[in-house]
Amino acid sequence: MKHIVLGSALALLTLPALANQFDSLYQVEQQTKQTEAAAQAERVRQAAAERAREDARIAADRRQRAAAQQAAQQKALEQRKSQELEHKRVQTREEGYEDELRALELEERRLALQAKRARTARANDYIDAELRDSAARTDVIQSEADSARNVTSGAKSLLEDSGKAEVNRSSRLFGE
């Protein structure tokens, strides 16, 4: 019995020590779980941070691609505008040149028409000059004819008068 009492007393004395050991084990187990939970939380946090970094990198890449695409579109737009302006400038210059050609062509037509009018007016002047020349020749011919007629009639008159004078002289000589 002594042994039982002594065993019981020792068991009672060792019981708190064993209980402390179980508490220690429980605490160690709890600390291990907390450490594992903290490690797990840290891993989750690091994974989330890595995902966030990856998402930020992807977003930055997207923004960079979008900015590059927008810059390319802007450059293409500016180039297109530049080409359109150049095309308009060339077209305006060509239209101006064509307008000048048309204006020159119209001026040439006007000048040709004026030249024809001038030739026509000169032709009328030439016709008038020829008519005046013809009238003058006609007048000369008429004057020559009149003078020839006058000479002829004067000669006729002279001859007639000479004949009469001869007749008168011969009748005076013979008859009187």
C-alpha atoms as a PDB file:
ATOM      1  CA  MET A   1       0.000   0.000   0.000  1.00  0.00           C
ATOM      2  CA  LYS A   2       2.739   2.173   0.656  1.00  0.00           C
ATOM      3  CA  HIS A   3       3.659   1.563  -2.772  1.00  0.00           C
ATOM      4  CA  ILE A   4       0.286   2.463  -3.962  1.00  0.00           C
ATOM      5  CA  VAL A   5       0.232   5.599  -1.914  1.00  0.00           C
ATOM      6  CA  LEU A   6       3.717   6.402  -2.939  1.00  0.00           C
ATOM      7  CA  GLY A   7       2.860   5.600  -6.531  1.00  0.00           C
ATOM      8  CA  SER A   8      -0.294   7.643  -6.257  1.00  0.00           C
ATOM      9  CA  ALA A   9       1.609  10.531  -4.667  1.00  0.00           C
ATOM     10  CA  LEU A  10       4.250  10.325  -7.311  1.00  0.00           C
ATOM     11  CA  ALA A  11       1.582  10.135  -9.959  1.00  0.00           C
ATOM     12  CA  LEU A  12      -0.073  13.163  -8.449  1.00  0.00           C
ATOM     13  CA  LEU A  13       3.172  14.996  -8.318  1.00  0.00           C
ATOM     14  CA  THR A  14       4.060  13.949 -11.814  1.00  0.00           C
ATOM     15  CA  LEU A  15       0.582  14.674 -13.034  1.00  0.00           C
ATOM     16  CA  PRO A  16       1.049  18.425 -12.960  1.00  0.00           C
ATOM     17  CA  ALA A  17       4.431  17.896 -14.584  1.00  0.00           C
ATOM     18  CA  LEU A  18       2.793  15.706 -17.181  1.00  0.00           C
ATOM     19  CA  ALA A  19      -0.021  18.206 -17.487  1.00  0.00           C
ATOM     20  CA  ASN A  20       2.559  20.904 -17.979  1.00  0.00           C
ATOM     21  CA  GLN A  21       4.151  18.744 -20.600  1.00  0.00           C
ATOM     22  CA  PHE A  22       0.816  18.291 -22.354  1.00  0.00           C
ATOM     23  CA  ASP A  23       0.249  22.019 -22.081  1.00  0.00           C
ATOM     24  CA  SER A  24       3.720  22.573 -23.482  1.00  0.00           C
ATOM     25  CA  LEU A  25       3.052  20.155 -26.279  1.00  0.00           C
ATOM     26  CA  TYR A  26      -0.303  21.843 -26.893  1.00  0.00           C
ATOM     27  CA  GLN A  27       1.377  25.227 -26.918  1.00  0.00           C
ATOM     28  CA  VAL A  28       4.141  23.989 -29.224  1.00  0.00           C
ATOM     29  CA  GLU A  29       1.500  22.471 -31.435  1.00  0.00           C
ATOM     30  CA  GLN A  30      -0.451  25.736 -31.364  1.00  0.00           C
ATOM     31  CA  GLN A  31       2.725  27.730 -32.100  1.00  0.00           C
ATOM     32  CA  THR A  32       3.552  25.350 -34.932  1.00  0.00           C
ATOM     33  CA  LYS A  33       0.043  25.797 -36.331  1.00  0.00           C
ATOM     34  CA  GLN A  34       0.348  29.555 -35.922  1.00  0.00           C
ATOM     35  CA  THR A  35       3.778  29.527 -37.543  1.00  0.00           C
ATOM     36  CA  GLU A  36       2.456  27.371 -40.357  1.00  0.00           C
ATOM     37  CA  ALA A  37      -0.590  29.628 -40.653  1.00  0.00           C
ATOM     38  CA  ALA A  38       1.685  32.674 -40.650  1.00  0.00           C
ATOM     39  CA  ALA A  39       3.938  31.001 -43.232  1.00  0.00           C
ATOM     40  CA  GLN A  40       0.877  30.089 -45.272  1.00  0.00           C
ATOM     41  CA  ALA A  41      -0.437  33.640 -44.929  1.00  0.00           C
ATOM     42  CA  GLU A  42       3.005  34.954 -45.947  1.00  0.00           C
ATOM     43  CA  ARG A  43       3.043  32.614 -48.941  1.00  0.00           C
ATOM     44  CA  VAL A  44      -0.493  33.747 -49.852  1.00  0.00           C
ATOM     45  CA  ARG A  45       0.548  37.388 -49.371  1.00  0.00           C
ATOM     46  CA  GLN A  46       3.684  36.840 -51.492  1.00  0.00           C
ATOM     47  CA  ALA A  47       1.639  35.035 -54.151  1.00  0.00           C
ATOM     48  CA  ALA A  48      -0.887  37.889 -54.089  1.00  0.00           C
ATOM     49  CA  ALA A  49       1.965  40.400 -54.292  1.00  0.00           C
ATOM     50  CA  GLU A  50       3.490  38.433 -57.168  1.00  0.00           C
ATOM     51  CA  ARG A  51       0.102  38.325 -58.914  1.00  0.00           C
ATOM     52  CA  ALA A  52      -0.298  42.050 -58.302  1.00  0.00           C
ATOM     53  CA  ARG A  53       3.214  42.673 -59.715  1.00  0.00           C
ATOM     54  CA  GLU A  54       2.412  40.442 -62.687  1.00  0.00           C
ATOM     55  CA  ASP A  55      -0.924  42.205 -63.195  1.00  0.00           C
ATOM     56  CA  ALA A  56       0.842  45.580 -62.919  1.00  0.00           C
ATOM     57  CA  ARG A  57       3.479  44.435 -65.432  1.00  0.00           C
ATOM     58  CA  ILE A  58       0.750  43.172 -67.784  1.00  0.00           C
ATOM     59  CA  ALA A  59      -1.178  46.429 -67.353  1.00  0.00           C
ATOM     60  CA  ALA A  60       2.015  48.407 -67.977  1.00  0.00           C
ATOM     61  CA  ASP A  61       2.682  46.311 -71.093  1.00  0.00           C
ATOM     62  CA  ARG A  62      -0.893  46.928 -72.248  1.00  0.00           C
ATOM     63  CA  ARG A  63      -0.572  50.652 -71.583  1.00  0.00           C
ATOM     64  CA  GLN A  64       2.763  50.678 -73.403  1.00  0.00           C
ATOM     65  CA  ARG A  65       1.295  48.762 -76.362  1.00  0.00           C
ATOM     66  CA  ALA A  66      -1.764  51.047 -76.333  1.00  0.00           C
ATOM     67  CA  ALA A  67       0.492  54.117 -76.205  1.00  0.00           C
ATOM     68  CA  ALA A  68       2.642  52.711 -79.019  1.00  0.00           C
ATOM     69  CA  GLN A  69      -0.466  51.879 -81.034  1.00  0.00           C
ATOM     70  CA  GLN A  70      -1.909  55.323 -80.377  1.00  0.00           C
ATOM     71  CA  ALA A  71       1.412  56.925 -81.347  1.00  0.00           C
ATOM     72  CA  ALA A  72       1.463  54.838 -84.527  1.00  0.00           C
ATOM     73  CA  GLN A  73      -2.135  55.829 -85.280  1.00  0.00           C
ATOM     74  CA  GLN A  74      -1.301  59.472 -84.594  1.00  0.00           C
ATOM     75  CA  LYS A  75       1.749  59.230 -86.838  1.00  0.00           C
ATOM     76  CA  ALA A  76      -0.323  57.546 -89.559  1.00  0.00           C
ATOM     77  CA  LEU A  77      -3.009  60.225 -89.167  1.00  0.00           C
ATOM     78  CA  GLU A  78      -0.419  62.998 -89.406  1.00  0.00           C
ATOM     79  CA  GLN A  79       1.162  61.314 -92.409  1.00  0.00           C
ATOM     80  CA  ARG A  80      -2.252  60.915 -94.035  1.00  0.00           C
ATOM     81  CA  LYS A  81      -3.039  64.583 -93.310  1.00  0.00           C
ATOM     82  CA  SER A  82       0.333  65.573 -94.719  1.00  0.00           C
ATOM     83  CA  GLN A  83      -0.311  63.507 -97.842  1.00  0.00           C
ATOM     84  CA  GLU A  84      -3.789  64.995 -98.179  1.00  0.00           C
ATOM     85  CA  LEU A  85      -2.380  68.510 -97.833  1.00  0.00           C
ATOM     86  CA  GLU A  86       0.309  67.733-100.398  1.00  0.00           C
ATOM     87  CA  HIS A  87      -2.320  66.208-102.702  1.00  0.00           C
ATOM     88  CA  LYS A  88      -4.541  69.276-102.273  1.00  0.00           C
ATOM     89  CA  ARG A  89      -1.581  71.582-102.884  1.00  0.00           C
ATOM     90  CA  VAL A  90      -0.607  69.690-106.031  1.00  0.00           C
ATOM     91  CA  GLN A  91      -4.228  69.522-107.147  1.00  0.00           C
ATOM     92  CA  THR A  92      -4.658  73.250-106.494  1.00  0.00           C
ATOM     93  CA  ARG A  93      -1.457  73.958-108.399  1.00  0.00           C
ATOM     94  CA  GLU A  94      -2.595  71.731-111.265  1.00  0.00           C
ATOM     95  CA  GLU A  95      -6.036  73.340-111.256  1.00  0.00           C
ATOM     96  CA  GLY A  96      -4.389  76.768-111.248  1.00  0.00           C
ATOM     97  CA  TYR A  97      -2.188  75.696-114.134  1.00  0.00           C
ATOM     98  CA  GLU A  98      -5.211  74.315-116.005  1.00  0.00           C
ATOM     99  CA  ASP A  99      -7.111  77.542-115.291  1.00  0.00           C
ATOM    100  CA  GLU A 100      -4.188  79.537-116.664  1.00  0.00           C
ATOM    101  CA  LEU A 101      -4.079  77.297-119.736  1.00  0.00           C
ATOM    102  CA  ARG A 102      -7.809  77.812-120.266  1.00  0.00           C
ATOM    103  CA  ALA A 103      -7.402  81.562-119.786  1.00  0.00           C
ATOM    104  CA  LEU A 104      -4.513  81.588-122.293  1.00  0.00           C
ATOM    105  CA  GLU A 105      -6.555  79.519-124.729  1.00  0.00           C
ATOM    106  CA  LEU A 106      -9.488  81.917-124.387  1.00  0.00           C
ATOM    107  CA  GLU A 107      -7.160  84.890-124.863  1.00  0.00           C
ATOM    108  CA  GLU A 108      -5.691  83.248-127.968  1.00  0.00           C
ATOM    109  CA  ARG A 109      -9.206  82.698-129.314  1.00  0.00           C
ATOM    110  CA  ARG A 110     -10.100  86.338-128.604  1.00  0.00           C
ATOM    111  CA  LEU A 111      -6.932  87.513-130.328  1.00  0.00           C
ATOM    112  CA  ALA A 112      -7.589  85.230-133.297  1.00  0.00           C
ATOM    113  CA  LEU A 113     -11.127  86.594-133.515  1.00  0.00           C
ATOM    114  CA  GLN A 114      -9.800  90.169-133.307  1.00  0.00           C
ATOM    115  CA  ALA A 115      -7.283  89.359-136.032  1.00  0.00           C
ATOM    116  CA  LYS A 116     -10.074  87.968-138.222  1.00  0.00           C
ATOM    117  CA  ARG A 117     -12.157  91.069-137.551  1.00  0.00           C
ATOM    118  CA  ALA A 118      -9.168  93.272-138.371  1.00  0.00           C
ATOM    119  CA  ARG A 119      -8.525  91.306-141.573  1.00  0.00           C
ATOM    120  CA  THR A 120     -12.205  91.584-142.418  1.00  0.00           C
ATOM    121  CA  ALA A 121     -12.143  95.312-141.722  1.00  0.00           C
ATOM    122  CA  ARG A 122      -8.929  95.628-143.766  1.00  0.00           C
ATOM    123  CA  ALA A 123     -10.490  93.502-146.463  1.00  0.00           C
ATOM    124  CA  ASN A 124     -13.354  95.949-146.511  1.00  0.00           C
ATOM    125  CA  ASP A 125     -10.766  98.752-146.628  1.00  0.00           C
ATOM    126  CA  TYR A 126      -8.987  96.975-149.495  1.00  0.00           C
ATOM    127  CA  ILE A 127     -12.298  96.505-151.281  1.00  0.00           C
ATOM    128  CA  ASP A 128     -13.106 100.171-150.697  1.00  0.00           C
ATOM    129  CA  ALA A 129      -9.636 101.155-151.941  1.00  0.00           C
ATOM    130  CA  GLU A 130     -10.040  98.963-155.000  1.00  0.00           C
ATOM    131  CA  LEU A 131     -13.475 100.495-155.611  1.00  0.00           C
ATOM    132  CA  ARG A 132     -11.988 103.987-155.257  1.00  0.00           C
ATOM    133  CA  ASP A 133      -9.110 103.007-157.544  1.00  0.00           C
ATOM    134  CA  SER A 134     -11.563 101.579-160.037  1.00  0.00           C
ATOM    135  CA  ALA A 135     -13.683 104.724-159.774  1.00  0.00           C
ATOM    136  CA  ALA A 136     -10.592 106.840-160.294  1.00  0.00           C
ATOM    137  CA  ARG A 137      -9.619 104.787-163.360  1.00  0.00           C
ATOM    138  CA  THR A 138     -13.153 105.113-164.617  1.00  0.00           C
ATOM    139  CA  ASP A 139     -12.921 108.861-164.068  1.00  0.00           C
ATOM    140  CA  VAL A 140      -9.568 108.950-165.901  1.00  0.00           C
ATOM    141  CA  ILE A 141     -10.985 106.907-168.744  1.00  0.00           C
ATOM    142  CA  GLN A 142     -14.071 109.144-168.817  1.00  0.00           C
ATOM    143  CA  SER A 143     -11.853 112.234-168.780  1.00  0.00           C
ATOM    144  CA  GLU A 144      -9.708 110.805-171.564  1.00  0.00           C
ATOM    145  CA  ALA A 145     -12.813 109.949-173.494  1.00  0.00           C
ATOM    146  CA  ASP A 146     -14.207 113.442-172.876  1.00  0.00           C
ATOM    147  CA  SER A 147     -10.937 115.051-173.893  1.00  0.00           C
ATOM    148  CA  ALA A 148     -10.708 112.810-176.957  1.00  0.00           C
ATOM    149  CA  ARG A 149     -14.266 113.732-177.799  1.00  0.00           C
ATOM    150  CA  ASN A 150     -13.464 117.377-177.234  1.00  0.00           C
ATOM    151  CA  VAL A 151     -10.359 117.108-179.405  1.00  0.00           C
ATOM    152  CA  THR A 152     -12.322 115.262-182.014  1.00  0.00           C
ATOM    153  CA  SER A 153     -15.146 117.726-181.927  1.00  0.00           C
ATOM    154  CA  GLY A 154     -12.636 120.584-181.955  1.00  0.00           C
ATOM    155  CA  ALA A 155     -10.884 119.007-184.918  1.00  0.00           C
ATOM    156  CA  LYS A 156     -14.241 118.436-186.576  1.00  0.00           C
ATOM    157  CA  SER A 157     -15.203 121.993-185.873  1.00  0.00           C
ATOM    158  CA  LEU A 158     -11.880 123.158-187.171  1.00  0.00           C
ATOM    159  CA  LEU A 159     -12.201 121.077-190.240  1.00  0.00           C
ATOM    160  CA  GLU A 160     -15.780 122.189-190.765  1.00  0.00           C
ATOM    161  CA  ASP A 161     -14.834 125.784-190.142  1.00  0.00           C
ATOM    162  CA  SER A 162     -11.819 125.413-192.384  1.00  0.00           C
ATOM    163  CA  GLY A 163     -14.033 123.852-195.001  1.00  0.00           C
ATOM    164  CA  LYS A 164     -16.539 126.653-194.687  1.00  0.00           C
ATOM    165  CA  ALA A 165     -13.780 129.206-194.801  1.00  0.00           C
ATOM    166  CA  GLU A 166     -12.404 127.559-197.958  1.00  0.00           C
ATOM    167  CA  VAL A 167     -15.839 127.511-199.468  1.00  0.00           C
ATOM    168  CA  ASN A 168     -16.276 131.126-198.491  1.00  0.00           C
ATOM    169  CA  ARG A 169     -12.918 132.057-199.861  1.00  0.00           C
ATOM    170  CA  SER A 170     -13.412 130.194-203.044  1.00  0.00           C
ATOM    171  CA  SER A 171     -16.843 131.675-203.508  1.00  0.00           C
ATOM    172  CA  ARG A 172     -15.349 135.092-202.982  1.00  0.00           C
ATOM    173  CA  LEU A 173     -12.671 134.462-205.367  1.00  0.00           C
ATOM    174  CA  PHE A 174     -14.845 133.050-208.029  1.00  0.00           C
ATOM    175  CA  GLY A 175     -17.995 134.788-207.532  1.00  0.00           C
ATOM    176  CA  GLU A 176     -17.744 137.885-206.258  1.00  0.00           C
END
